[in-house]
Amino acid sequence: MSDELAQNLRRYRRAKGLSQEQLAHRASLSVGPIRKIEQGDDGVRMETLHAIARALGVKTSDLMAVVRPNRSSTTTRTVSICESCGSR
């Protein structure tokens, strides 16, 4: 899931027009966790993800969403991952 988290964070951050430093400031974090997440580090605390999500104006689950191709068409669907159990 770290790849999806990295991609989603980068996508939401860029859509808001924020640098890593600006996002870190809005989330009251140092820039280190933002960089680590965007580099695919999966050792991130849930509190950190909540702070980032709030700063971006999205749900924490949006940051962790897995986007997979829909088999019946060229559109995509979002599959939510249960944080505690890993089930869909």
PDB file of N, CA and C in Angstrom:
ATOM      1  N   MET A   1       0.804  -1.194   0.000  1.00  0.00           N
ATOM      2  CA  MET A   1       0.000   0.000   0.000  1.00  0.00           C
ATOM      3  C   MET A   1       0.849   1.260   0.000  1.00  0.00           C
ATOM      4  N   SER A   2       2.112   1.170   0.336  1.00  0.00           N
ATOM      5  CA  SER A   2       2.939   2.369   0.417  1.00  0.00           C
ATOM      6  C   SER A   2       3.071   3.069  -0.935  1.00  0.00           C
ATOM      7  N   ASP A   3       3.057   2.292  -2.028  1.00  0.00           N
ATOM      8  CA  ASP A   3       3.116   2.918  -3.351  1.00  0.00           C
ATOM      9  C   ASP A   3       1.863   3.744  -3.621  1.00  0.00           C
ATOM     10  N   GLU A   4       0.698   3.188  -3.273  1.00  0.00           N
ATOM     11  CA  GLU A   4      -0.556   3.912  -3.465  1.00  0.00           C
ATOM     12  C   GLU A   4      -0.597   5.158  -2.584  1.00  0.00           C
ATOM     13  N   LEU A   5      -0.168   5.009  -1.337  1.00  0.00           N
ATOM     14  CA  LEU A   5      -0.134   6.146  -0.427  1.00  0.00           C
ATOM     15  C   LEU A   5       0.770   7.242  -0.975  1.00  0.00           C
ATOM     16  N   ALA A   6       1.935   6.860  -1.455  1.00  0.00           N
ATOM     17  CA  ALA A   6       2.880   7.831  -2.019  1.00  0.00           C
ATOM     18  C   ALA A   6       2.268   8.550  -3.223  1.00  0.00           C
ATOM     19  N   GLN A   7       1.662   7.788  -4.110  1.00  0.00           N
ATOM     20  CA  GLN A   7       1.065   8.380  -5.314  1.00  0.00           C
ATOM     21  C   GLN A   7      -0.114   9.280  -4.969  1.00  0.00           C
ATOM     22  N   ASN A   8      -0.965   8.815  -4.047  1.00  0.00           N
ATOM     23  CA  ASN A   8      -2.132   9.610  -3.670  1.00  0.00           C
ATOM     24  C   ASN A   8      -1.718  10.908  -2.983  1.00  0.00           C
ATOM     25  N   LEU A   9      -0.772  10.822  -2.062  1.00  0.00           N
ATOM     26  CA  LEU A   9      -0.315  12.028  -1.379  1.00  0.00           C
ATOM     27  C   LEU A   9       0.246  13.025  -2.378  1.00  0.00           C
ATOM     28  N   ARG A  10       1.106  12.556  -3.260  1.00  0.00           N
ATOM     29  CA  ARG A  10       1.701  13.437  -4.268  1.00  0.00           C
ATOM     30  C   ARG A  10       0.618  14.063  -5.151  1.00  0.00           C
ATOM     31  N   ARG A  11      -0.355  13.256  -5.560  1.00  0.00           N
ATOM     32  CA  ARG A  11      -1.423  13.747  -6.443  1.00  0.00           C
ATOM     33  C   ARG A  11      -2.265  14.814  -5.743  1.00  0.00           C
ATOM     34  N   TYR A  12      -2.691  14.549  -4.501  1.00  0.00           N
ATOM     35  CA  TYR A  12      -3.488  15.531  -3.767  1.00  0.00           C
ATOM     36  C   TYR A  12      -2.687  16.794  -3.478  1.00  0.00           C
ATOM     37  N   ARG A  13      -1.431  16.636  -3.101  1.00  0.00           N
ATOM     38  CA  ARG A  13      -0.586  17.802  -2.796  1.00  0.00           C
ATOM     39  C   ARG A  13      -0.418  18.685  -4.019  1.00  0.00           C
ATOM     40  N   ARG A  14      -0.114  18.054  -5.137  1.00  0.00           N
ATOM     41  CA  ARG A  14       0.082  18.823  -6.375  1.00  0.00           C
ATOM     42  C   ARG A  14      -1.215  19.470  -6.848  1.00  0.00           C
ATOM     43  N   ALA A  15      -2.337  18.765  -6.674  1.00  0.00           N
ATOM     44  CA  ALA A  15      -3.631  19.333  -7.074  1.00  0.00           C
ATOM     45  C   ALA A  15      -3.945  20.599  -6.285  1.00  0.00           C
ATOM     46  N   LYS A  16      -3.475  20.665  -5.049  1.00  0.00           N
ATOM     47  CA  LYS A  16      -3.656  21.868  -4.230  1.00  0.00           C
ATOM     48  C   LYS A  16      -2.587  22.916  -4.515  1.00  0.00           C
ATOM     49  N   GLY A  17      -1.598  22.565  -5.346  1.00  0.00           N
ATOM     50  CA  GLY A  17      -0.538  23.508  -5.681  1.00  0.00           C
ATOM     51  C   GLY A  17       0.441  23.744  -4.550  1.00  0.00           C
ATOM     52  N   LEU A  18       0.627  22.735  -3.694  1.00  0.00           N
ATOM     53  CA  LEU A  18       1.494  22.887  -2.532  1.00  0.00           C
ATOM     54  C   LEU A  18       2.831  22.186  -2.726  1.00  0.00           C
ATOM     55  N   SER A  19       3.868  22.782  -2.211  1.00  0.00           N
ATOM     56  CA  SER A  19       5.159  22.102  -2.131  1.00  0.00           C
ATOM     57  C   SER A  19       5.114  21.178  -0.914  1.00  0.00           C
ATOM     58  N   GLN A  20       6.094  20.302  -0.801  1.00  0.00           N
ATOM     59  CA  GLN A  20       6.180  19.454   0.390  1.00  0.00           C
ATOM     60  C   GLN A  20       6.313  20.313   1.645  1.00  0.00           C
ATOM     61  N   GLU A  21       7.087  21.349   1.559  1.00  0.00           N
ATOM     62  CA  GLU A  21       7.303  22.237   2.698  1.00  0.00           C
ATOM     63  C   GLU A  21       6.013  22.951   3.106  1.00  0.00           C
ATOM     64  N   GLN A  22       5.260  23.423   2.123  1.00  0.00           N
ATOM     65  CA  GLN A  22       4.003  24.105   2.421  1.00  0.00           C
ATOM     66  C   GLN A  22       2.999  23.159   3.071  1.00  0.00           C
ATOM     67  N   LEU A  23       2.909  21.938   2.556  1.00  0.00           N
ATOM     68  CA  LEU A  23       2.009  20.957   3.141  1.00  0.00           C
ATOM     69  C   LEU A  23       2.418  20.638   4.573  1.00  0.00           C
ATOM     70  N   ALA A  24       3.710  20.455   4.783  1.00  0.00           N
ATOM     71  CA  ALA A  24       4.204  20.169   6.132  1.00  0.00           C
ATOM     72  C   ALA A  24       3.810  21.297   7.089  1.00  0.00           C
ATOM     73  N   HIS A  25       3.965  22.529   6.659  1.00  0.00           N
ATOM     74  CA  HIS A  25       3.601  23.670   7.503  1.00  0.00           C
ATOM     75  C   HIS A  25       2.107  23.644   7.833  1.00  0.00           C
ATOM     76  N   ARG A  26       1.266  23.406   6.827  1.00  0.00           N
ATOM     77  CA  ARG A  26      -0.188  23.367   7.051  1.00  0.00           C
ATOM     78  C   ARG A  26      -0.591  22.229   7.983  1.00  0.00           C
ATOM     79  N   ALA A  27       0.165  21.133   7.935  1.00  0.00           N
ATOM     80  CA  ALA A  27      -0.142  19.972   8.767  1.00  0.00           C
ATOM     81  C   ALA A  27       0.562  20.030  10.120  1.00  0.00           C
ATOM     82  N   SER A  28       1.310  21.100  10.372  1.00  0.00           N
ATOM     83  CA  SER A  28       2.094  21.254  11.610  1.00  0.00           C
ATOM     84  C   SER A  28       3.074  20.095  11.798  1.00  0.00           C
ATOM     85  N   LEU A  29       3.744  19.739  10.715  1.00  0.00           N
ATOM     86  CA  LEU A  29       4.743  18.664  10.707  1.00  0.00           C
ATOM     87  C   LEU A  29       6.051  19.204  10.158  1.00  0.00           C
ATOM     88  N   SER A  30       7.115  18.462  10.382  1.00  0.00           N
ATOM     89  CA  SER A  30       8.354  18.767   9.648  1.00  0.00           C
ATOM     90  C   SER A  30       8.198  18.165   8.254  1.00  0.00           C
ATOM     91  N   VAL A  31       9.026  18.570   7.345  1.00  0.00           N
ATOM     92  CA  VAL A  31       8.916  18.091   5.967  1.00  0.00           C
ATOM     93  C   VAL A  31       9.349  16.630   5.826  1.00  0.00           C
ATOM     94  N   GLY A  32      10.106  16.114   6.782  1.00  0.00           N
ATOM     95  CA  GLY A  32      10.607  14.746   6.712  1.00  0.00           C
ATOM     96  C   GLY A  32       9.544  13.688   6.472  1.00  0.00           C
ATOM     97  N   PRO A  33       8.466  13.672   7.253  1.00  0.00           N
ATOM     98  CA  PRO A  33       7.439  12.656   7.025  1.00  0.00           C
ATOM     99  C   PRO A  33       6.787  12.739   5.646  1.00  0.00           C
ATOM    100  N   ILE A  34       6.590  13.954   5.153  1.00  0.00           N
ATOM    101  CA  ILE A  34       6.013  14.123   3.813  1.00  0.00           C
ATOM    102  C   ILE A  34       6.937  13.495   2.785  1.00  0.00           C
ATOM    103  N   ARG A  35       8.218  13.813   2.861  1.00  0.00           N
ATOM    104  CA  ARG A  35       9.194  13.255   1.918  1.00  0.00           C
ATOM    105  C   ARG A  35       9.243  11.735   2.002  1.00  0.00           C
ATOM    106  N   LYS A  36       9.270  11.208   3.229  1.00  0.00           N
ATOM    107  CA  LYS A  36       9.364   9.763   3.411  1.00  0.00           C
ATOM    108  C   LYS A  36       8.153   9.051   2.822  1.00  0.00           C
ATOM    109  N   ILE A  37       6.971   9.593   3.067  1.00  0.00           N
ATOM    110  CA  ILE A  37       5.759   8.975   2.519  1.00  0.00           C
ATOM    111  C   ILE A  37       5.798   8.996   1.001  1.00  0.00           C
ATOM    112  N   GLU A  38       6.152  10.136   0.415  1.00  0.00           N
ATOM    113  CA  GLU A  38       6.184  10.241  -1.047  1.00  0.00           C
ATOM    114  C   GLU A  38       7.281   9.370  -1.663  1.00  0.00           C
ATOM    115  N   GLN A  39       8.255   8.971  -0.865  1.00  0.00           N
ATOM    116  CA  GLN A  39       9.292   8.060  -1.345  1.00  0.00           C
ATOM    117  C   GLN A  39       8.921   6.594  -1.114  1.00  0.00           C
ATOM    118  N   GLY A  40       7.732   6.362  -0.534  1.00  0.00           N
ATOM    119  CA  GLY A  40       7.257   4.999  -0.368  1.00  0.00           C
ATOM    120  C   GLY A  40       7.521   4.368   0.978  1.00  0.00           C
ATOM    121  N   ASP A  41       7.980   5.142   1.948  1.00  0.00           N
ATOM    122  CA  ASP A  41       8.203   4.609   3.291  1.00  0.00           C
ATOM    123  C   ASP A  41       6.857   4.262   3.912  1.00  0.00           C
ATOM    124  N   ASP A  42       6.725   3.035   4.401  1.00  0.00           N
ATOM    125  CA  ASP A  42       5.448   2.614   4.971  1.00  0.00           C
ATOM    126  C   ASP A  42       5.427   2.673   6.495  1.00  0.00           C
ATOM    127  N   GLY A  43       6.431   3.252   7.109  1.00  0.00           N
ATOM    128  CA  GLY A  43       6.488   3.374   8.561  1.00  0.00           C
ATOM    129  C   GLY A  43       5.910   4.680   9.051  1.00  0.00           C
ATOM    130  N   VAL A  44       4.728   5.018   8.600  1.00  0.00           N
ATOM    131  CA  VAL A  44       4.112   6.301   8.959  1.00  0.00           C
ATOM    132  C   VAL A  44       3.042   6.082  10.023  1.00  0.00           C
ATOM    133  N   ARG A  45       2.984   6.998  10.964  1.00  0.00           N
ATOM    134  CA  ARG A  45       1.989   6.921  12.038  1.00  0.00           C
ATOM    135  C   ARG A  45       0.630   7.407  11.543  1.00  0.00           C
ATOM    136  N   MET A  46      -0.421   6.797  12.074  1.00  0.00           N
ATOM    137  CA  MET A  46      -1.781   7.175  11.680  1.00  0.00           C
ATOM    138  C   MET A  46      -2.061   8.641  12.012  1.00  0.00           C
ATOM    139  N   GLU A  47      -1.534   9.134  13.127  1.00  0.00           N
ATOM    140  CA  GLU A  47      -1.739  10.547  13.491  1.00  0.00           C
ATOM    141  C   GLU A  47      -1.157  11.475  12.423  1.00  0.00           C
ATOM    142  N   THR A  48      -0.030  11.059  11.852  1.00  0.00           N
ATOM    143  CA  THR A  48       0.601  11.847  10.790  1.00  0.00           C
ATOM    144  C   THR A  48      -0.288  11.874   9.558  1.00  0.00           C
ATOM    145  N   LEU A  49      -0.839  10.726   9.191  1.00  0.00           N
ATOM    146  CA  LEU A  49      -1.745  10.672   8.034  1.00  0.00           C
ATOM    147  C   LEU A  49      -2.992  11.516   8.268  1.00  0.00           C
ATOM    148  N   HIS A  50      -3.525  11.494   9.487  1.00  0.00           N
ATOM    149  CA  HIS A  50      -4.699  12.322   9.800  1.00  0.00           C
ATOM    150  C   HIS A  50      -4.368  13.803   9.639  1.00  0.00           C
ATOM    151  N   ALA A  51      -3.216  14.221  10.122  1.00  0.00           N
ATOM    152  CA  ALA A  51      -2.813  15.632  10.027  1.00  0.00           C
ATOM    153  C   ALA A  51      -2.638  16.044   8.563  1.00  0.00           C
ATOM    154  N   ILE A  52      -2.040  15.178   7.774  1.00  0.00           N
ATOM    155  CA  ILE A  52      -1.836  15.476   6.347  1.00  0.00           C
ATOM    156  C   ILE A  52      -3.176  15.558   5.630  1.00  0.00           C
ATOM    157  N   ALA A  53      -4.049  14.602   5.916  1.00  0.00           N
ATOM    158  CA  ALA A  53      -5.370  14.605   5.280  1.00  0.00           C
ATOM    159  C   ALA A  53      -6.140  15.877   5.615  1.00  0.00           C
ATOM    160  N   ARG A  54      -6.123  16.266   6.884  1.00  0.00           N
ATOM    161  CA  ARG A  54      -6.803  17.511   7.275  1.00  0.00           C
ATOM    162  C   ARG A  54      -6.228  18.708   6.523  1.00  0.00           C
ATOM    163  N   ALA A  55      -4.909  18.759   6.409  1.00  0.00           N
ATOM    164  CA  ALA A  55      -4.258  19.881   5.717  1.00  0.00           C
ATOM    165  C   ALA A  55      -4.623  19.922   4.235  1.00  0.00           C
ATOM    166  N   LEU A  56      -4.884  18.752   3.663  1.00  0.00           N
ATOM    167  CA  LEU A  56      -5.252  18.675   2.242  1.00  0.00           C
ATOM    168  C   LEU A  56      -6.759  18.782   2.015  1.00  0.00           C
ATOM    169  N   GLY A  57      -7.528  18.681   3.094  1.00  0.00           N
ATOM    170  CA  GLY A  57      -8.982  18.743   2.966  1.00  0.00           C
ATOM    171  C   GLY A  57      -9.577  17.473   2.389  1.00  0.00           C
ATOM    172  N   VAL A  58      -8.952  16.334   2.680  1.00  0.00           N
ATOM    173  CA  VAL A  58      -9.451  15.045   2.203  1.00  0.00           C
ATOM    174  C   VAL A  58      -9.598  14.098   3.392  1.00  0.00           C
ATOM    175  N   LYS A  59     -10.242  12.966   3.168  1.00  0.00           N
ATOM    176  CA  LYS A  59     -10.339  11.945   4.199  1.00  0.00           C
ATOM    177  C   LYS A  59      -9.034  11.168   4.259  1.00  0.00           C
ATOM    178  N   THR A  60      -8.705  10.682   5.430  1.00  0.00           N
ATOM    179  CA  THR A  60      -7.508   9.855   5.573  1.00  0.00           C
ATOM    180  C   THR A  60      -7.610   8.633   4.677  1.00  0.00           C
ATOM    181  N   SER A  61      -8.792   8.067   4.562  1.00  0.00           N
ATOM    182  CA  SER A  61      -8.983   6.889   3.702  1.00  0.00           C
ATOM    183  C   SER A  61      -8.707   7.206   2.233  1.00  0.00           C
ATOM    184  N   ASP A  62      -8.919   8.468   1.819  1.00  0.00           N
ATOM    185  CA  ASP A  62      -8.596   8.863   0.442  1.00  0.00           C
ATOM    186  C   ASP A  62      -7.098   8.752   0.176  1.00  0.00           C
ATOM    187  N   LEU A  63      -6.300   9.063   1.186  1.00  0.00           N
ATOM    188  CA  LEU A  63      -4.851   8.959   1.019  1.00  0.00           C
ATOM    189  C   LEU A  63      -4.410   7.513   0.837  1.00  0.00           C
ATOM    190  N   MET A  64      -5.157   6.589   1.435  1.00  0.00           N
ATOM    191  CA  MET A  64      -4.767   5.180   1.411  1.00  0.00           C
ATOM    192  C   MET A  64      -5.524   4.365   0.369  1.00  0.00           C
ATOM    193  N   ALA A  65      -6.385   5.017  -0.417  1.00  0.00           N
ATOM    194  CA  ALA A  65      -7.203   4.299  -1.386  1.00  0.00           C
ATOM    195  C   ALA A  65      -6.347   3.638  -2.465  1.00  0.00           C
ATOM    196  N   VAL A  66      -6.792   2.477  -2.878  1.00  0.00           N
ATOM    197  CA  VAL A  66      -6.132   1.741  -3.952  1.00  0.00           C
ATOM    198  C   VAL A  66      -6.990   1.886  -5.196  1.00  0.00           C
ATOM    199  N   VAL A  67      -6.414   2.390  -6.267  1.00  0.00           N
ATOM    200  CA  VAL A  67      -7.138   2.557  -7.520  1.00  0.00           C
ATOM    201  C   VAL A  67      -6.725   1.429  -8.444  1.00  0.00           C
ATOM    202  N   ARG A  68      -7.724   0.672  -8.898  1.00  0.00           N
ATOM    203  CA  ARG A  68      -7.471  -0.449  -9.797  1.00  0.00           C
ATOM    204  C   ARG A  68      -8.352  -0.320 -11.024  1.00  0.00           C
ATOM    205  N   PRO A  69      -7.884  -0.823 -12.178  1.00  0.00           N
ATOM    206  CA  PRO A  69      -8.727  -0.761 -13.380  1.00  0.00           C
ATOM    207  C   PRO A  69      -9.981  -1.596 -13.210  1.00  0.00           C
ATOM    208  N   ASN A  70     -11.080  -1.088 -13.708  1.00  0.00           N
ATOM    209  CA  ASN A  70     -12.336  -1.818 -13.705  1.00  0.00           C
ATOM    210  C   ASN A  70     -12.312  -2.785 -14.882  1.00  0.00           C
ATOM    211  N   ARG A  71     -12.584  -4.037 -14.649  1.00  0.00           N
ATOM    212  CA  ARG A  71     -12.492  -5.060 -15.696  1.00  0.00           C
ATOM    213  C   ARG A  71     -13.496  -4.860 -16.811  1.00  0.00           C
ATOM    214  N   SER A  72     -14.632  -4.240 -16.519  1.00  0.00           N
ATOM    215  CA  SER A  72     -15.685  -4.129 -17.516  1.00  0.00           C
ATOM    216  C   SER A  72     -15.589  -2.880 -18.381  1.00  0.00           C
ATOM    217  N   SER A  73     -14.712  -1.955 -18.039  1.00  0.00           N
ATOM    218  CA  SER A  73     -14.588  -0.737 -18.840  1.00  0.00           C
ATOM    219  C   SER A  73     -13.213  -0.129 -18.635  1.00  0.00           C
ATOM    220  N   THR A  74     -12.998   1.013 -19.271  1.00  0.00           N
ATOM    221  CA  THR A  74     -11.704   1.687 -19.147  1.00  0.00           C
ATOM    222  C   THR A  74     -11.668   2.636 -17.965  1.00  0.00           C
ATOM    223  N   THR A  75     -12.774   2.757 -17.221  1.00  0.00           N
ATOM    224  CA  THR A  75     -12.781   3.622 -16.045  1.00  0.00           C
ATOM    225  C   THR A  75     -12.099   2.913 -14.887  1.00  0.00           C
ATOM    226  N   THR A  76     -11.866   3.652 -13.841  1.00  0.00           N
ATOM    227  CA  THR A  76     -11.253   3.049 -12.657  1.00  0.00           C
ATOM    228  C   THR A  76     -12.221   3.119 -11.501  1.00  0.00           C
ATOM    229  N   ARG A  77     -12.014   2.240 -10.553  1.00  0.00           N
ATOM    230  CA  ARG A  77     -12.817   2.278  -9.341  1.00  0.00           C
ATOM    231  C   ARG A  77     -11.875   2.312  -8.152  1.00  0.00           C
ATOM    232  N   THR A  78     -12.327   2.879  -7.066  1.00  0.00           N
ATOM    233  CA  THR A  78     -11.512   2.966  -5.865  1.00  0.00           C
ATOM    234  C   THR A  78     -11.918   1.859  -4.914  1.00  0.00           C
ATOM    235  N   VAL A  79     -10.919   1.128  -4.440  1.00  0.00           N
ATOM    236  CA  VAL A  79     -11.146   0.062  -3.479  1.00  0.00           C
ATOM    237  C   VAL A  79     -10.578   0.524  -2.152  1.00  0.00           C
ATOM    238  N   SER A  80     -11.426   0.629  -1.157  1.00  0.00           N
ATOM    239  CA  SER A  80     -10.968   1.063   0.154  1.00  0.00           C
ATOM    240  C   SER A  80     -10.380  -0.122   0.906  1.00  0.00           C
ATOM    241  N   ILE A  81      -9.311   0.134   1.625  1.00  0.00           N
ATOM    242  CA  ILE A  81      -8.659  -0.884   2.432  1.00  0.00           C
ATOM    243  C   ILE A  81      -9.009  -0.614   3.889  1.00  0.00           C
ATOM    244  N   CYS A  82      -9.471  -1.633   4.578  1.00  0.00           N
ATOM    245  CA  CYS A  82      -9.736  -1.523   6.013  1.00  0.00           C
ATOM    246  C   CYS A  82      -8.399  -1.342   6.708  1.00  0.00           C
ATOM    247  N   GLU A  83      -8.253  -0.263   7.467  1.00  0.00           N
ATOM    248  CA  GLU A  83      -6.978   0.067   8.100  1.00  0.00           C
ATOM    249  C   GLU A  83      -6.510  -1.019   9.062  1.00  0.00           C
ATOM    250  N   SER A  84      -7.430  -1.578   9.796  1.00  0.00           N
ATOM    251  CA  SER A  84      -7.002  -2.508  10.845  1.00  0.00           C
ATOM    252  C   SER A  84      -6.907  -3.944  10.391  1.00  0.00           C
ATOM    253  N   CYS A  85      -7.645  -4.345   9.373  1.00  0.00           N
ATOM    254  CA  CYS A  85      -7.662  -5.762   9.030  1.00  0.00           C
ATOM    255  C   CYS A  85      -7.125  -6.064   7.647  1.00  0.00           C
ATOM    256  N   GLY A  86      -6.987  -5.085   6.771  1.00  0.00           N
ATOM    257  CA  GLY A  86      -6.464  -5.318   5.431  1.00  0.00           C
ATOM    258  C   GLY A  86      -7.493  -5.915   4.475  1.00  0.00           C
ATOM    259  N   SER A  87      -8.753  -5.998   4.873  1.00  0.00           N
ATOM    260  CA  SER A  87      -9.764  -6.572   3.997  1.00  0.00           C
ATOM    261  C   SER A  87     -10.376  -5.488   3.129  1.00  0.00           C
ATOM    262  N   ARG A  88     -11.063  -5.935   2.102  1.00  0.00           N
ATOM    263  CA  ARG A  88     -11.709  -4.977   1.191  1.00  0.00           C
ATOM    264  C   ARG A  88     -13.183  -4.965   1.403  1.00  0.00           C
TER     265      ARG A  88
END
